[in-house]
Amino acid sequence: MHPGEMNLITDVAGLKVGNASDAGLKSGVTVLTADRPFTAGVHVMGGAPGTRETDLLAPDKTVQQVDALVLSGGSALGLDAASGVADGLRAMGRGFAVGDQHVPIVPAAILFDLLNGGDKNWTENPYNALGRAALAAAAERFDLGSHGAGTGGTLASLKGGLGSASAVLASGHTVGALVAVNALGDATVPGSRHFWAAPWEQGDEFGGLGTAPDYPKSMPDTKFSMHNTTIAIVATDAVLDQAQCTRMATATHDGMARALVPAHTPMDGDLVFAASTGAKPLADPVGDPLILGHAAATCLARAIARAVFLATPAAGDTHPCWSSL
């Protein structure tokens, strides 16, 4: 297993990601889309989620594919980003066909970044426009760190951000992860620059420092607040149905727990979407999904560390960046 050419979720052929940020707002939106609908599932493990259209991702629901997935800042107010994405897709003629109408299917999740030092005194919700701008920017290559939905993310002690990573498996399948990090816990071992995710690092993608010489025996300090949540998407070119996507999303949460301590708390809305472009059949319908789940978890752990590693400072920040340690 090794990273794809770009070490981004868009190493899964056919996927595109777009970011839009507002520096004054200290927030933003990230959109994952493709040229055609794709299968998706979701699993929530945090105690304070904020979502749109996640119920229809259950395997027993009528609509089995989506047009885009949205990650946004702004707490519940950020859910309006999905409306902007849906408007943009509808203008392209995209969406679930019902008679002569098209209804874009755009599940979304949000994180809380309303207390991060940005100007939140808007008169009109800015997230609709940010969503539409992120969709318009969708491409194979995109920026990480303090961009998109990760623009205003924070951890217990550091600035969060947007991260991504990929892996090419021996089976020929590709897996990728995309994450906006805004956790109650931390991505680094207390008192050090070492990442919890270090055992899964590929090369020096987040500093190459290796594992910490010592680990705390009790839970590290946290920001113990209500303004948290890490939201992620994992994707593969393997042929997976909605139930298998849901299972991959569930397995991927292991990666969040490897990279953030603590994770899945009552004050985090931790969530993972999983997507399949369906380009490459499974050779082993039992073994391959197991390996895909493990690979997705590993990619997510790496993506979380990359998000924090690549964060950059901005005026008015409430938290320092990893690079300042």
C-alpha atoms as a PDB file:
ATOM      1  CA  MET A   1       0.000   0.000   0.000  1.00  0.00           C
ATOM      2  CA  HIS A   2       1.470   3.345  -1.070  1.00  0.00           C
ATOM      3  CA  PRO A   3       0.142   6.876  -1.652  1.00  0.00           C
ATOM      4  CA  GLY A   4      -1.367   7.789  -4.991  1.00  0.00           C
ATOM      5  CA  GLU A   5       0.311  10.232  -7.347  1.00  0.00           C
ATOM      6  CA  MET A   6      -1.128  13.361  -5.661  1.00  0.00           C
ATOM      7  CA  ASN A   7      -1.689  11.890  -2.174  1.00  0.00           C
ATOM      8  CA  LEU A   8      -5.188  13.358  -2.345  1.00  0.00           C
ATOM      9  CA  ILE A   9      -8.684  11.880  -2.331  1.00  0.00           C
ATOM     10  CA  THR A  10      -8.830  12.824  -6.012  1.00  0.00           C
ATOM     11  CA  ASP A  11      -6.366  10.029  -6.764  1.00  0.00           C
ATOM     12  CA  VAL A  12      -9.669   8.142  -6.972  1.00  0.00           C
ATOM     13  CA  ALA A  13     -10.279   8.787 -10.671  1.00  0.00           C
ATOM     14  CA  GLY A  14     -13.319  10.880 -11.510  1.00  0.00           C
ATOM     15  CA  LEU A  15     -13.535  12.773  -8.229  1.00  0.00           C
ATOM     16  CA  LYS A  16     -13.059  16.527  -7.873  1.00  0.00           C
ATOM     17  CA  VAL A  17     -12.781  18.745  -4.807  1.00  0.00           C
ATOM     18  CA  GLY A  18     -13.401  22.463  -4.520  1.00  0.00           C
ATOM     19  CA  ASN A  19     -12.675  24.888  -1.681  1.00  0.00           C
ATOM     20  CA  ALA A  20     -14.044  28.325  -0.882  1.00  0.00           C
ATOM     21  CA  SER A  21     -12.915  30.405   2.089  1.00  0.00           C
ATOM     22  CA  ASP A  22     -13.634  33.779   3.628  1.00  0.00           C
ATOM     23  CA  ALA A  23     -10.606  35.141   5.496  1.00  0.00           C
ATOM     24  CA  GLY A  24     -12.601  37.660   7.517  1.00  0.00           C
ATOM     25  CA  LEU A  25     -15.189  35.083   8.442  1.00  0.00           C
ATOM     26  CA  LYS A  26     -12.445  32.532   9.245  1.00  0.00           C
ATOM     27  CA  SER A  27     -14.579  29.813   7.753  1.00  0.00           C
ATOM     28  CA  GLY A  28     -15.237  28.035   4.510  1.00  0.00           C
ATOM     29  CA  VAL A  29     -16.692  25.163   2.535  1.00  0.00           C
ATOM     30  CA  THR A  30     -15.298  22.085   0.798  1.00  0.00           C
ATOM     31  CA  VAL A  31     -17.217  20.140  -1.857  1.00  0.00           C
ATOM     32  CA  LEU A  32     -16.513  16.689  -3.272  1.00  0.00           C
ATOM     33  CA  THR A  33     -18.236  15.910  -6.551  1.00  0.00           C
ATOM     34  CA  ALA A  34     -17.825  13.909  -9.759  1.00  0.00           C
ATOM     35  CA  ASP A  35     -18.942  14.045 -13.364  1.00  0.00           C
ATOM     36  CA  ARG A  36     -21.719  11.574 -12.609  1.00  0.00           C
ATOM     37  CA  PRO A  37     -23.597  10.459  -9.476  1.00  0.00           C
ATOM     38  CA  PHE A  38     -21.784   8.145  -7.087  1.00  0.00           C
ATOM     39  CA  THR A  39     -22.812   5.757  -4.317  1.00  0.00           C
ATOM     40  CA  ALA A  40     -22.412   6.990  -0.746  1.00  0.00           C
ATOM     41  CA  GLY A  41     -22.932   5.970   2.860  1.00  0.00           C
ATOM     42  CA  VAL A  42     -22.394   7.638   6.229  1.00  0.00           C
ATOM     43  CA  HIS A  43     -21.667   6.817   9.852  1.00  0.00           C
ATOM     44  CA  VAL A  44     -21.864   9.221  12.808  1.00  0.00           C
ATOM     45  CA  MET A  45     -19.985   8.551  16.055  1.00  0.00           C
ATOM     46  CA  GLY A  46     -19.868  12.000  17.652  1.00  0.00           C
ATOM     47  CA  GLY A  47     -22.491  13.136  20.121  1.00  0.00           C
ATOM     48  CA  ALA A  48     -23.222  16.532  18.518  1.00  0.00           C
ATOM     49  CA  PRO A  49     -23.607  16.129  14.745  1.00  0.00           C
ATOM     50  CA  GLY A  50     -25.032  18.641  12.300  1.00  0.00           C
ATOM     51  CA  THR A  51     -26.137  17.141   8.993  1.00  0.00           C
ATOM     52  CA  ARG A  52     -28.332  17.376   5.910  1.00  0.00           C
ATOM     53  CA  GLU A  53     -29.713  14.516   3.773  1.00  0.00           C
ATOM     54  CA  THR A  54     -27.938  11.778   5.740  1.00  0.00           C
ATOM     55  CA  ASP A  55     -31.112   9.727   6.312  1.00  0.00           C
ATOM     56  CA  LEU A  56     -31.374   8.956   2.593  1.00  0.00           C
ATOM     57  CA  LEU A  57     -27.904   7.353   2.673  1.00  0.00           C
ATOM     58  CA  ALA A  58     -29.284   4.360   4.583  1.00  0.00           C
ATOM     59  CA  PRO A  59     -29.163   1.214   2.412  1.00  0.00           C
ATOM     60  CA  ASP A  60     -32.970   0.781   2.464  1.00  0.00           C
ATOM     61  CA  LYS A  61     -33.723   4.221   1.009  1.00  0.00           C
ATOM     62  CA  THR A  62     -34.919   4.799  -2.561  1.00  0.00           C
ATOM     63  CA  VAL A  63     -32.152   7.137  -3.764  1.00  0.00           C
ATOM     64  CA  GLN A  64     -28.879   5.208  -3.864  1.00  0.00           C
ATOM     65  CA  GLN A  65     -26.504   7.798  -5.343  1.00  0.00           C
ATOM     66  CA  VAL A  66     -25.575  11.428  -4.694  1.00  0.00           C
ATOM     67  CA  ASP A  67     -24.280  14.323  -6.789  1.00  0.00           C
ATOM     68  CA  ALA A  68     -21.949  15.868  -4.202  1.00  0.00           C
ATOM     69  CA  LEU A  69     -20.897  15.761  -0.557  1.00  0.00           C
ATOM     70  CA  VAL A  70     -20.340  18.968   1.409  1.00  0.00           C
ATOM     71  CA  LEU A  71     -18.184  19.760   4.436  1.00  0.00           C
ATOM     72  CA  SER A  72     -18.720  23.211   5.930  1.00  0.00           C
ATOM     73  CA  GLY A  73     -17.919  25.468   8.828  1.00  0.00           C
ATOM     74  CA  GLY A  74     -20.597  27.599  10.429  1.00  0.00           C
ATOM     75  CA  SER A  75     -22.359  25.098  12.657  1.00  0.00           C
ATOM     76  CA  ALA A  76     -26.040  24.666  11.717  1.00  0.00           C
ATOM     77  CA  LEU A  77     -25.874  27.920   9.758  1.00  0.00           C
ATOM     78  CA  GLY A  78     -23.277  26.292   7.497  1.00  0.00           C
ATOM     79  CA  LEU A  79     -25.777  23.731   6.263  1.00  0.00           C
ATOM     80  CA  ASP A  80     -26.899  26.452   3.837  1.00  0.00           C
ATOM     81  CA  ALA A  81     -23.712  25.692   1.887  1.00  0.00           C
ATOM     82  CA  ALA A  82     -25.401  22.561   0.549  1.00  0.00           C
ATOM     83  CA  SER A  83     -28.192  24.715  -0.872  1.00  0.00           C
ATOM     84  CA  GLY A  84     -25.637  26.735  -2.812  1.00  0.00           C
ATOM     85  CA  VAL A  85     -24.076  23.526  -4.137  1.00  0.00           C
ATOM     86  CA  ALA A  86     -27.502  22.179  -5.080  1.00  0.00           C
ATOM     87  CA  ASP A  87     -28.318  25.419  -6.904  1.00  0.00           C
ATOM     88  CA  GLY A  88     -25.072  25.165  -8.854  1.00  0.00           C
ATOM     89  CA  LEU A  89     -25.639  21.531  -9.759  1.00  0.00           C
ATOM     90  CA  ARG A  90     -29.217  22.225 -10.832  1.00  0.00           C
ATOM     91  CA  ALA A  91     -27.955  24.967 -13.133  1.00  0.00           C
ATOM     92  CA  MET A  92     -25.716  22.299 -14.722  1.00  0.00           C
ATOM     93  CA  GLY A  93     -28.714  20.048 -15.282  1.00  0.00           C
ATOM     94  CA  ARG A  94     -27.569  17.654 -12.562  1.00  0.00           C
ATOM     95  CA  GLY A  95     -29.798  15.873 -10.071  1.00  0.00           C
ATOM     96  CA  PHE A  96     -32.250  13.052  -9.475  1.00  0.00           C
ATOM     97  CA  ALA A  97     -34.720  13.139 -12.359  1.00  0.00           C
ATOM     98  CA  VAL A  98     -38.410  13.422 -11.488  1.00  0.00           C
ATOM     99  CA  GLY A  99     -40.446  14.168 -14.591  1.00  0.00           C
ATOM    100  CA  ASP A 100     -38.903  17.245 -16.183  1.00  0.00           C
ATOM    101  CA  GLN A 101     -37.311  18.329 -12.902  1.00  0.00           C
ATOM    102  CA  HIS A 102     -33.861  17.595 -11.493  1.00  0.00           C
ATOM    103  CA  VAL A 103     -33.231  17.487  -7.758  1.00  0.00           C
ATOM    104  CA  PRO A 104     -29.520  17.448  -6.839  1.00  0.00           C
ATOM    105  CA  ILE A 105     -28.770  15.090  -3.936  1.00  0.00           C
ATOM    106  CA  VAL A 106     -26.255  16.846  -1.699  1.00  0.00           C
ATOM    107  CA  PRO A 107     -25.663  15.391   1.790  1.00  0.00           C
ATOM    108  CA  ALA A 108     -23.675  17.675   4.071  1.00  0.00           C
ATOM    109  CA  ALA A 109     -22.060  17.912   7.494  1.00  0.00           C
ATOM    110  CA  ILE A 110     -20.884  20.910   9.492  1.00  0.00           C
ATOM    111  CA  LEU A 111     -18.376  21.806  12.186  1.00  0.00           C
ATOM    112  CA  PHE A 112     -18.571  24.575  14.790  1.00  0.00           C
ATOM    113  CA  ASP A 113     -16.125  27.410  14.088  1.00  0.00           C
ATOM    114  CA  LEU A 114     -18.192  30.388  15.243  1.00  0.00           C
ATOM    115  CA  LEU A 115     -15.861  31.300  18.138  1.00  0.00           C
ATOM    116  CA  ASN A 116     -12.532  31.234  16.318  1.00  0.00           C
ATOM    117  CA  GLY A 117     -11.889  34.974  16.074  1.00  0.00           C
ATOM    118  CA  GLY A 118     -13.570  35.578  12.718  1.00  0.00           C
ATOM    119  CA  ASP A 119     -16.241  38.186  12.002  1.00  0.00           C
ATOM    120  CA  LYS A 120     -19.560  36.374  12.314  1.00  0.00           C
ATOM    121  CA  ASN A 121     -21.800  39.460  12.376  1.00  0.00           C
ATOM    122  CA  TRP A 122     -23.192  38.958   8.884  1.00  0.00           C
ATOM    123  CA  THR A 123     -26.566  40.306   7.754  1.00  0.00           C
ATOM    124  CA  GLU A 124     -27.011  37.533   5.179  1.00  0.00           C
ATOM    125  CA  ASN A 125     -25.881  33.940   5.620  1.00  0.00           C
ATOM    126  CA  PRO A 126     -22.617  33.656   3.626  1.00  0.00           C
ATOM    127  CA  TYR A 127     -22.522  29.878   3.305  1.00  0.00           C
ATOM    128  CA  ASN A 128     -24.852  29.547   0.311  1.00  0.00           C
ATOM    129  CA  ALA A 129     -22.463  31.640  -1.792  1.00  0.00           C
ATOM    130  CA  LEU A 130     -19.432  29.819  -0.373  1.00  0.00           C
ATOM    131  CA  GLY A 131     -20.990  26.485  -1.313  1.00  0.00           C
ATOM    132  CA  ARG A 132     -21.625  27.580  -4.870  1.00  0.00           C
ATOM    133  CA  ALA A 133     -18.090  28.999  -5.137  1.00  0.00           C
ATOM    134  CA  ALA A 134     -16.571  25.762  -3.820  1.00  0.00           C
ATOM    135  CA  LEU A 135     -18.494  23.767  -6.427  1.00  0.00           C
ATOM    136  CA  ALA A 136     -17.279  26.088  -9.181  1.00  0.00           C
ATOM    137  CA  ALA A 137     -13.689  25.566  -7.995  1.00  0.00           C
ATOM    138  CA  ALA A 138     -13.877  21.752  -8.036  1.00  0.00           C
ATOM    139  CA  ALA A 139     -10.776  20.182  -9.606  1.00  0.00           C
ATOM    140  CA  GLU A 140      -8.393  17.271  -9.207  1.00  0.00           C
ATOM    141  CA  ARG A 141      -5.878  19.391  -7.290  1.00  0.00           C
ATOM    142  CA  PHE A 142      -6.826  21.518  -4.307  1.00  0.00           C
ATOM    143  CA  ASP A 143      -5.179  23.203  -1.327  1.00  0.00           C
ATOM    144  CA  LEU A 144      -4.788  21.693   2.128  1.00  0.00           C
ATOM    145  CA  GLY A 145      -4.288  23.285   5.534  1.00  0.00           C
ATOM    146  CA  SER A 146      -6.159  26.531   6.225  1.00  0.00           C
ATOM    147  CA  HIS A 147      -8.539  26.245   3.297  1.00  0.00           C
ATOM    148  CA  GLY A 148     -12.146  25.295   2.619  1.00  0.00           C
ATOM    149  CA  ALA A 149     -14.035  23.754   5.508  1.00  0.00           C
ATOM    150  CA  GLY A 150     -10.791  23.624   7.492  1.00  0.00           C
ATOM    151  CA  THR A 151     -10.162  27.392   7.314  1.00  0.00           C
ATOM    152  CA  GLY A 152     -11.235  28.087  10.897  1.00  0.00           C
ATOM    153  CA  GLY A 153     -10.734  24.687  12.483  1.00  0.00           C
ATOM    154  CA  THR A 154      -9.103  24.381  15.899  1.00  0.00           C
ATOM    155  CA  LEU A 155      -7.902  21.630  18.225  1.00  0.00           C
ATOM    156  CA  ALA A 156      -7.329  21.692  21.964  1.00  0.00           C
ATOM    157  CA  SER A 157      -3.982  23.455  21.563  1.00  0.00           C
ATOM    158  CA  LEU A 158      -3.402  24.046  17.846  1.00  0.00           C
ATOM    159  CA  LYS A 159      -5.050  25.257  14.688  1.00  0.00           C
ATOM    160  CA  GLY A 160      -6.856  22.583  12.670  1.00  0.00           C
ATOM    161  CA  GLY A 161      -7.357  22.532   8.923  1.00  0.00           C
ATOM    162  CA  LEU A 162      -8.222  20.568   5.788  1.00  0.00           C
ATOM    163  CA  GLY A 163      -6.345  17.356   5.080  1.00  0.00           C
ATOM    164  CA  SER A 164      -6.268  14.603   2.492  1.00  0.00           C
ATOM    165  CA  ALA A 165      -4.331  11.424   1.760  1.00  0.00           C
ATOM    166  CA  SER A 166      -4.587   8.402  -0.524  1.00  0.00           C
ATOM    167  CA  ALA A 167      -3.442   4.810  -0.890  1.00  0.00           C
ATOM    168  CA  VAL A 168      -3.135   2.392  -3.812  1.00  0.00           C
ATOM    169  CA  LEU A 169      -3.759  -1.202  -2.743  1.00  0.00           C
ATOM    170  CA  ALA A 170      -2.280  -4.455  -3.987  1.00  0.00           C
ATOM    171  CA  SER A 171      -5.699  -5.242  -5.475  1.00  0.00           C
ATOM    172  CA  GLY A 172      -5.346  -2.215  -7.755  1.00  0.00           C
ATOM    173  CA  HIS A 173      -8.047  -0.261  -5.957  1.00  0.00           C
ATOM    174  CA  THR A 174      -7.445   3.295  -4.766  1.00  0.00           C
ATOM    175  CA  VAL A 175      -8.700   4.749  -1.487  1.00  0.00           C
ATOM    176  CA  GLY A 176      -8.597   8.385  -0.412  1.00  0.00           C
ATOM    177  CA  ALA A 177      -9.620  10.535   2.549  1.00  0.00           C
ATOM    178  CA  LEU A 178     -10.645  14.182   2.917  1.00  0.00           C
ATOM    179  CA  VAL A 179     -11.147  15.762   6.347  1.00  0.00           C
ATOM    180  CA  ALA A 180     -11.890  19.072   8.049  1.00  0.00           C
ATOM    181  CA  VAL A 181     -10.273  18.929  11.496  1.00  0.00           C
ATOM    182  CA  ASN A 182     -11.886  20.866  14.357  1.00  0.00           C
ATOM    183  CA  ALA A 183     -11.611  18.529  17.316  1.00  0.00           C
ATOM    184  CA  LEU A 184     -12.160  18.831  21.052  1.00  0.00           C
ATOM    185  CA  GLY A 185      -8.987  16.762  21.455  1.00  0.00           C
ATOM    186  CA  ASP A 186      -5.544  17.090  19.904  1.00  0.00           C
ATOM    187  CA  ALA A 187      -3.645  15.608  16.968  1.00  0.00           C
ATOM    188  CA  THR A 188      -0.291  15.802  18.752  1.00  0.00           C
ATOM    189  CA  VAL A 189       1.086  14.075  21.823  1.00  0.00           C
ATOM    190  CA  PRO A 190       1.070  16.554  24.745  1.00  0.00           C
ATOM    191  CA  GLY A 191       4.318  18.452  25.181  1.00  0.00           C
ATOM    192  CA  SER A 192       5.682  17.461  21.775  1.00  0.00           C
ATOM    193  CA  ARG A 193       5.457  18.045  18.020  1.00  0.00           C
ATOM    194  CA  HIS A 194       4.797  14.334  17.416  1.00  0.00           C
ATOM    195  CA  PHE A 195       1.507  13.304  15.834  1.00  0.00           C
ATOM    196  CA  TRP A 196      -0.647  10.535  17.265  1.00  0.00           C
ATOM    197  CA  ALA A 197      -0.959   9.294  13.658  1.00  0.00           C
ATOM    198  CA  ALA A 198       2.833   8.859  13.270  1.00  0.00           C
ATOM    199  CA  PRO A 199       2.800   5.034  12.992  1.00  0.00           C
ATOM    200  CA  TRP A 200       0.834   5.331   9.747  1.00  0.00           C
ATOM    201  CA  GLU A 201       2.804   8.166   8.141  1.00  0.00           C
ATOM    202  CA  GLN A 202       3.997   7.641   4.564  1.00  0.00           C
ATOM    203  CA  GLY A 203       7.421   9.186   4.047  1.00  0.00           C
ATOM    204  CA  ASP A 204       7.545  12.638   5.604  1.00  0.00           C
ATOM    205  CA  GLU A 205       4.024  13.723   4.626  1.00  0.00           C
ATOM    206  CA  PHE A 206       3.560  15.379   8.026  1.00  0.00           C
ATOM    207  CA  GLY A 207       7.108  16.024   9.147  1.00  0.00           C
ATOM    208  CA  GLY A 208       8.627  12.563   9.409  1.00  0.00           C
ATOM    209  CA  LEU A 209       9.230  12.929  13.159  1.00  0.00           C
ATOM    210  CA  GLY A 210       8.230   9.388  13.995  1.00  0.00           C
ATOM    211  CA  THR A 211       6.452   8.374  17.169  1.00  0.00           C
ATOM    212  CA  ALA A 212       6.770  10.230  20.452  1.00  0.00           C
ATOM    213  CA  PRO A 213       9.264   8.844  22.977  1.00  0.00           C
ATOM    214  CA  ASP A 214       6.581   8.736  25.665  1.00  0.00           C
ATOM    215  CA  TYR A 215       2.796   8.679  25.790  1.00  0.00           C
ATOM    216  CA  PRO A 216       0.527   9.994  28.548  1.00  0.00           C
ATOM    217  CA  LYS A 217      -1.158   7.385  30.696  1.00  0.00           C
ATOM    218  CA  SER A 218      -4.305   9.471  31.161  1.00  0.00           C
ATOM    219  CA  MET A 219      -6.508  11.544  28.874  1.00  0.00           C
ATOM    220  CA  PRO A 220      -4.681  14.661  27.639  1.00  0.00           C
ATOM    221  CA  ASP A 221      -6.074  18.123  28.275  1.00  0.00           C
ATOM    222  CA  THR A 222      -8.783  19.216  25.841  1.00  0.00           C
ATOM    223  CA  LYS A 223     -10.531  22.473  25.017  1.00  0.00           C
ATOM    224  CA  PHE A 224     -13.633  20.897  26.645  1.00  0.00           C
ATOM    225  CA  SER A 225     -16.114  23.056  24.815  1.00  0.00           C
ATOM    226  CA  MET A 226     -19.130  22.834  22.544  1.00  0.00           C
ATOM    227  CA  HIS A 227     -17.333  24.230  19.471  1.00  0.00           C
ATOM    228  CA  ASN A 228     -15.854  21.115  17.917  1.00  0.00           C
ATOM    229  CA  THR A 229     -16.351  18.333  15.308  1.00  0.00           C
ATOM    230  CA  THR A 230     -14.188  16.554  12.748  1.00  0.00           C
ATOM    231  CA  ILE A 231     -15.967  15.695   9.494  1.00  0.00           C
ATOM    232  CA  ALA A 232     -14.547  13.481   6.770  1.00  0.00           C
ATOM    233  CA  ILE A 233     -15.115  11.756   3.451  1.00  0.00           C
ATOM    234  CA  VAL A 234     -13.409   8.576   2.299  1.00  0.00           C
ATOM    235  CA  ALA A 235     -13.706   7.352  -1.261  1.00  0.00           C
ATOM    236  CA  THR A 236     -12.717   4.424  -3.444  1.00  0.00           C
ATOM    237  CA  ASP A 237     -12.959   3.303  -7.056  1.00  0.00           C
ATOM    238  CA  ALA A 238     -14.033  -0.173  -5.895  1.00  0.00           C
ATOM    239  CA  VAL A 239     -17.570  -1.273  -6.722  1.00  0.00           C
ATOM    240  CA  LEU A 240     -19.456  -0.908  -3.428  1.00  0.00           C
ATOM    241  CA  ASP A 241     -23.174  -0.715  -2.794  1.00  0.00           C
ATOM    242  CA  GLN A 242     -24.686   1.603  -0.213  1.00  0.00           C
ATOM    243  CA  ALA A 243     -24.477  -0.977   2.566  1.00  0.00           C
ATOM    244  CA  GLN A 244     -20.797  -1.596   1.830  1.00  0.00           C
ATOM    245  CA  CYS A 245     -20.130   2.160   1.758  1.00  0.00           C
ATOM    246  CA  THR A 246     -21.784   2.432   5.150  1.00  0.00           C
ATOM    247  CA  ARG A 247     -19.551  -0.331   6.481  1.00  0.00           C
ATOM    248  CA  MET A 248     -16.452   1.400   5.071  1.00  0.00           C
ATOM    249  CA  ALA A 249     -17.505   4.668   6.733  1.00  0.00           C
ATOM    250  CA  THR A 250     -17.894   2.808  10.022  1.00  0.00           C
ATOM    251  CA  ALA A 251     -14.447   1.197   9.787  1.00  0.00           C
ATOM    252  CA  THR A 252     -12.881   4.531   8.863  1.00  0.00           C
ATOM    253  CA  HIS A 253     -13.681   5.974  12.289  1.00  0.00           C
ATOM    254  CA  ASP A 254     -10.771   3.862  13.576  1.00  0.00           C
ATOM    255  CA  GLY A 255      -8.498   6.310  11.772  1.00  0.00           C
ATOM    256  CA  MET A 256     -10.054   9.259  13.559  1.00  0.00           C
ATOM    257  CA  ALA A 257      -9.407   7.591  16.904  1.00  0.00           C
ATOM    258  CA  ARG A 258      -5.786   6.900  15.905  1.00  0.00           C
ATOM    259  CA  ALA A 259      -5.130  10.527  15.007  1.00  0.00           C
ATOM    260  CA  LEU A 260      -7.183  12.506  17.554  1.00  0.00           C
ATOM    261  CA  VAL A 261      -7.177  12.015  21.320  1.00  0.00           C
ATOM    262  CA  PRO A 262      -9.862  11.953  22.526  1.00  0.00           C
ATOM    263  CA  ALA A 263     -12.231  11.363  19.600  1.00  0.00           C
ATOM    264  CA  HIS A 264     -15.983  10.752  19.287  1.00  0.00           C
ATOM    265  CA  THR A 265     -16.826  12.736  22.401  1.00  0.00           C
ATOM    266  CA  PRO A 266     -20.287  13.994  23.407  1.00  0.00           C
ATOM    267  CA  MET A 267     -19.221  17.487  22.285  1.00  0.00           C
ATOM    268  CA  ASP A 268     -17.903  16.438  18.856  1.00  0.00           C
ATOM    269  CA  GLY A 269     -20.158  15.708  15.884  1.00  0.00           C
ATOM    270  CA  ASP A 270     -17.600  13.327  14.359  1.00  0.00           C
ATOM    271  CA  LEU A 271     -18.877  11.910  11.062  1.00  0.00           C
ATOM    272  CA  VAL A 272     -17.530  10.018   8.046  1.00  0.00           C
ATOM    273  CA  PHE A 273     -19.101   9.848   4.596  1.00  0.00           C
ATOM    274  CA  ALA A 274     -17.933   7.045   2.300  1.00  0.00           C
ATOM    275  CA  ALA A 275     -18.176   7.188  -1.490  1.00  0.00           C
ATOM    276  CA  SER A 276     -17.707   4.704  -4.326  1.00  0.00           C
ATOM    277  CA  THR A 277     -17.261   5.605  -7.986  1.00  0.00           C
ATOM    278  CA  GLY A 278     -17.811   1.951  -8.919  1.00  0.00           C
ATOM    279  CA  ALA A 279     -15.048   1.808 -11.514  1.00  0.00           C
ATOM    280  CA  LYS A 280     -13.287  -1.414 -10.452  1.00  0.00           C
ATOM    281  CA  PRO A 281     -15.021  -4.666  -9.404  1.00  0.00           C
ATOM    282  CA  LEU A 282     -14.059  -6.511  -6.231  1.00  0.00           C
ATOM    283  CA  ALA A 283     -12.013  -9.640  -6.822  1.00  0.00           C
ATOM    284  CA  ASP A 284     -12.887 -10.957  -3.365  1.00  0.00           C
ATOM    285  CA  PRO A 285     -16.306  -9.792  -2.134  1.00  0.00           C
ATOM    286  CA  VAL A 286     -15.437 -10.810   1.441  1.00  0.00           C
ATOM    287  CA  GLY A 287     -11.767  -9.922   1.811  1.00  0.00           C
ATOM    288  CA  ASP A 288     -11.563  -6.787  -0.325  1.00  0.00           C
ATOM    289  CA  PRO A 289     -14.089  -4.737   1.699  1.00  0.00           C
ATOM    290  CA  LEU A 290     -12.162  -5.584   4.867  1.00  0.00           C
ATOM    291  CA  ILE A 291      -8.905  -4.306   3.347  1.00  0.00           C
ATOM    292  CA  LEU A 292     -10.660  -1.235   1.945  1.00  0.00           C
ATOM    293  CA  GLY A 293     -11.965  -0.349   5.410  1.00  0.00           C
ATOM    294  CA  HIS A 294      -8.521  -0.661   6.952  1.00  0.00           C
ATOM    295  CA  ALA A 295      -6.955   1.396   4.165  1.00  0.00           C
ATOM    296  CA  ALA A 296      -9.606   4.100   4.548  1.00  0.00           C
ATOM    297  CA  ALA A 297      -8.958   4.311   8.296  1.00  0.00           C
ATOM    298  CA  THR A 298      -5.225   4.616   7.687  1.00  0.00           C
ATOM    299  CA  CYS A 299      -5.765   7.312   5.045  1.00  0.00           C
ATOM    300  CA  LEU A 300      -7.990   9.282   7.414  1.00  0.00           C
ATOM    301  CA  ALA A 301      -5.405   9.184  10.213  1.00  0.00           C
ATOM    302  CA  ARG A 302      -2.775  10.504   7.799  1.00  0.00           C
ATOM    303  CA  ALA A 303      -5.129  13.141   6.391  1.00  0.00           C
ATOM    304  CA  ILE A 304      -5.888  14.471   9.881  1.00  0.00           C
ATOM    305  CA  ALA A 305      -2.201  14.877  10.643  1.00  0.00           C
ATOM    306  CA  ARG A 306      -1.589  16.539   7.270  1.00  0.00           C
ATOM    307  CA  ALA A 307      -4.393  19.024   7.962  1.00  0.00           C
ATOM    308  CA  VAL A 308      -2.726  20.176  11.181  1.00  0.00           C
ATOM    309  CA  PHE A 309       0.792  20.008   9.735  1.00  0.00           C
ATOM    310  CA  LEU A 310      -0.158  22.282   6.805  1.00  0.00           C
ATOM    311  CA  ALA A 311      -2.235  24.870   8.707  1.00  0.00           C
ATOM    312  CA  THR A 312      -1.019  28.443   8.293  1.00  0.00           C
ATOM    313  CA  PRO A 313      -1.375  31.468  10.607  1.00  0.00           C
ATOM    314  CA  ALA A 314      -3.798  34.325   9.987  1.00  0.00           C
ATOM    315  CA  ALA A 315      -4.624  37.589  11.734  1.00  0.00           C
ATOM    316  CA  GLY A 316      -6.863  37.140  14.759  1.00  0.00           C
ATOM    317  CA  ASP A 317      -6.199  33.426  15.239  1.00  0.00           C
ATOM    318  CA  THR A 318      -7.114  32.046  18.647  1.00  0.00           C
ATOM    319  CA  HIS A 319      -4.725  29.071  18.319  1.00  0.00           C
ATOM    320  CA  PRO A 320      -1.119  28.702  17.091  1.00  0.00           C
ATOM    321  CA  CYS A 321      -0.188  26.526  14.139  1.00  0.00           C
ATOM    322  CA  TRP A 322       1.840  23.315  14.406  1.00  0.00           C
ATOM    323  CA  SER A 323       4.605  25.025  12.425  1.00  0.00           C
ATOM    324  CA  SER A 324       5.091  27.506  15.297  1.00  0.00           C
ATOM    325  CA  LEU A 325       5.928  24.822  17.874  1.00  0.00           C
END
